[in-house]
Amino acid sequence: MLLEVLTPERKLFTGEVYGVQLPGIDGSFEVLNRHAPLIAALGKGKMKVLKDKVQAEYFQIEGGFVEVLRNKATVLVEGASLIS
C-alpha cells in the first residue's frame, strides 16, 4: 500500500508500507493493504507507520483526515513530527 503523509508546509512521508495505525476522533484504527475505501477524521495522537511486519516509525500528529482509495492512503494533517 502506498502511504503519503502531508502537512500544509511539506510532504512528511511517502512510500510503500505494510499498514498504518491512526488516532481517529472516536478511537484508534488500522489501515492495511487492500483496505476498503474510507475517509475519516483524525484527532491528536500517535500515528504508527508499519514499514513491514517488524519495522515501524512513529509520528505525533495534530489532527486532520485520512483518505483510503485504490490501495493508497493519504493522511492530511495540520502538523506532525517524527518521534525517535
C-alpha atoms as a PDB file:
ATOM      1  CA  MET A   1       0.000   0.000   0.000  1.00  0.00           C
ATOM      2  CA  LEU A   2       1.258   3.478  -0.827  1.00  0.00           C
ATOM      3  CA  LEU A   3       1.195   5.954   2.087  1.00  0.00           C
ATOM      4  CA  GLU A   4       1.536   9.736   1.850  1.00  0.00           C
ATOM      5  CA  VAL A   5       1.601  11.969   4.925  1.00  0.00           C
ATOM      6  CA  LEU A   6       1.129  15.650   4.062  1.00  0.00           C
ATOM      7  CA  THR A   7       1.143  18.835   6.151  1.00  0.00           C
ATOM      8  CA  PRO A   8       0.343  22.329   4.819  1.00  0.00           C
ATOM      9  CA  GLU A   9       4.094  23.009   4.668  1.00  0.00           C
ATOM     10  CA  ARG A  10       5.554  19.797   3.224  1.00  0.00           C
ATOM     11  CA  LYS A  11       5.341  16.109   2.401  1.00  0.00           C
ATOM     12  CA  LEU A  12       6.413  14.330   5.585  1.00  0.00           C
ATOM     13  CA  PHE A  13       6.413  10.726   4.344  1.00  0.00           C
ATOM     14  CA  THR A  14       5.810   8.831   1.126  1.00  0.00           C
ATOM     15  CA  GLY A  15       6.439   5.166   0.393  1.00  0.00           C
ATOM     16  CA  GLU A  16       5.181   1.602   0.300  1.00  0.00           C
ATOM     17  CA  VAL A  17       4.100   0.329   3.720  1.00  0.00           C
ATOM     18  CA  TYR A  18       2.502  -2.738   5.285  1.00  0.00           C
ATOM     19  CA  GLY A  19      -0.065  -0.595   7.105  1.00  0.00           C
ATOM     20  CA  VAL A  20      -0.698   2.414   9.319  1.00  0.00           C
ATOM     21  CA  GLN A  21      -2.297   2.845  12.744  1.00  0.00           C
ATOM     22  CA  LEU A  22      -4.110   6.169  13.188  1.00  0.00           C
ATOM     23  CA  PRO A  23      -5.743   8.085  16.059  1.00  0.00           C
ATOM     24  CA  GLY A  24      -9.327   8.587  14.903  1.00  0.00           C
ATOM     25  CA  ILE A  25     -11.581  11.052  16.712  1.00  0.00           C
ATOM     26  CA  ASP A  26     -13.594   8.119  18.124  1.00  0.00           C
ATOM     27  CA  GLY A  27     -10.604   5.833  18.793  1.00  0.00           C
ATOM     28  CA  SER A  28      -7.602   4.407  17.010  1.00  0.00           C
ATOM     29  CA  PHE A  29      -7.859   2.204  13.926  1.00  0.00           C
ATOM     30  CA  GLU A  30      -5.577   0.453  11.441  1.00  0.00           C
ATOM     31  CA  VAL A  31      -5.452   0.501   7.648  1.00  0.00           C
ATOM     32  CA  LEU A  32      -3.762  -2.431   5.919  1.00  0.00           C
ATOM     33  CA  ASN A  33      -3.076  -3.431   2.323  1.00  0.00           C
ATOM     34  CA  ARG A  34      -6.209  -3.505   0.096  1.00  0.00           C
ATOM     35  CA  HIS A  35      -8.400  -1.760   2.681  1.00  0.00           C
ATOM     36  CA  ALA A  36     -11.897  -0.718   1.586  1.00  0.00           C
ATOM     37  CA  PRO A  37     -12.338   2.941   0.552  1.00  0.00           C
ATOM     38  CA  LEU A  38     -12.504   5.196   3.605  1.00  0.00           C
ATOM     39  CA  ILE A  39     -12.493   8.833   4.684  1.00  0.00           C
ATOM     40  CA  ALA A  40     -12.064   9.512   8.408  1.00  0.00           C
ATOM     41  CA  ALA A  41     -11.303  12.416  10.722  1.00  0.00           C
ATOM     42  CA  LEU A  42      -8.177  12.157  12.864  1.00  0.00           C
ATOM     43  CA  GLY A  43      -7.535  13.520  16.332  1.00  0.00           C
ATOM     44  CA  LYS A  44      -4.308  14.417  18.103  1.00  0.00           C
ATOM     45  CA  GLY A  45      -2.157  11.420  18.901  1.00  0.00           C
ATOM     46  CA  LYS A  46       0.420   8.925  17.760  1.00  0.00           C
ATOM     47  CA  MET A  47       0.466   7.542  14.207  1.00  0.00           C
ATOM     48  CA  LYS A  48       2.364   4.269  13.682  1.00  0.00           C
ATOM     49  CA  VAL A  49       3.665   3.603  10.171  1.00  0.00           C
ATOM     50  CA  LEU A  50       4.255  -0.131   9.689  1.00  0.00           C
ATOM     51  CA  LYS A  51       7.008  -0.342   7.074  1.00  0.00           C
ATOM     52  CA  ASP A  52       6.787  -4.140   7.230  1.00  0.00           C
ATOM     53  CA  LYS A  53       5.756  -6.685   9.864  1.00  0.00           C
ATOM     54  CA  VAL A  54       8.794  -5.789  12.020  1.00  0.00           C
ATOM     55  CA  GLN A  55       9.879  -2.162  11.352  1.00  0.00           C
ATOM     56  CA  ALA A  56       7.797   0.861  12.320  1.00  0.00           C
ATOM     57  CA  GLU A  57       8.095   4.656  12.507  1.00  0.00           C
ATOM     58  CA  TYR A  58       6.079   6.855  14.858  1.00  0.00           C
ATOM     59  CA  PHE A  59       4.739  10.362  14.279  1.00  0.00           C
ATOM     60  CA  GLN A  60       2.932  12.712  16.659  1.00  0.00           C
ATOM     61  CA  ILE A  61       0.082  14.280  14.682  1.00  0.00           C
ATOM     62  CA  GLU A  62      -2.141  17.272  15.428  1.00  0.00           C
ATOM     63  CA  GLY A  63      -5.343  16.072  13.761  1.00  0.00           C
ATOM     64  CA  GLY A  64      -6.614  16.025  10.200  1.00  0.00           C
ATOM     65  CA  PHE A  65      -8.085  13.480   7.786  1.00  0.00           C
ATOM     66  CA  VAL A  66      -7.212  10.218   6.055  1.00  0.00           C
ATOM     67  CA  GLU A  67      -8.449   9.046   2.658  1.00  0.00           C
ATOM     68  CA  VAL A  68      -8.004   5.438   1.545  1.00  0.00           C
ATOM     69  CA  LEU A  69      -8.675   4.704  -2.120  1.00  0.00           C
ATOM     70  CA  ARG A  70      -7.265   2.176  -4.623  1.00  0.00           C
ATOM     71  CA  ASN A  71      -4.623   0.820  -2.196  1.00  0.00           C
ATOM     72  CA  LYS A  72      -3.313   4.313  -1.380  1.00  0.00           C
ATOM     73  CA  ALA A  73      -3.692   6.064   1.982  1.00  0.00           C
ATOM     74  CA  THR A  74      -3.335   9.852   2.050  1.00  0.00           C
ATOM     75  CA  VAL A  75      -3.016  11.376   5.513  1.00  0.00           C
ATOM     76  CA  LEU A  76      -3.605  15.146   5.624  1.00  0.00           C
ATOM     77  CA  VAL A  77      -2.628  16.625   8.982  1.00  0.00           C
ATOM     78  CA  GLU A  78      -2.394  20.108  10.463  1.00  0.00           C
ATOM     79  CA  GLY A  79       1.025  19.309  11.918  1.00  0.00           C
ATOM     80  CA  ALA A  80       3.222  16.309  12.573  1.00  0.00           C
ATOM     81  CA  SER A  81       6.661  15.406  13.904  1.00  0.00           C
ATOM     82  CA  LEU A  82       8.729  12.233  13.833  1.00  0.00           C
ATOM     83  CA  ILE A  83       9.110  10.555  17.240  1.00  0.00           C
ATOM     84  CA  SER A  84      12.523   8.967  17.697  1.00  0.00           C
END
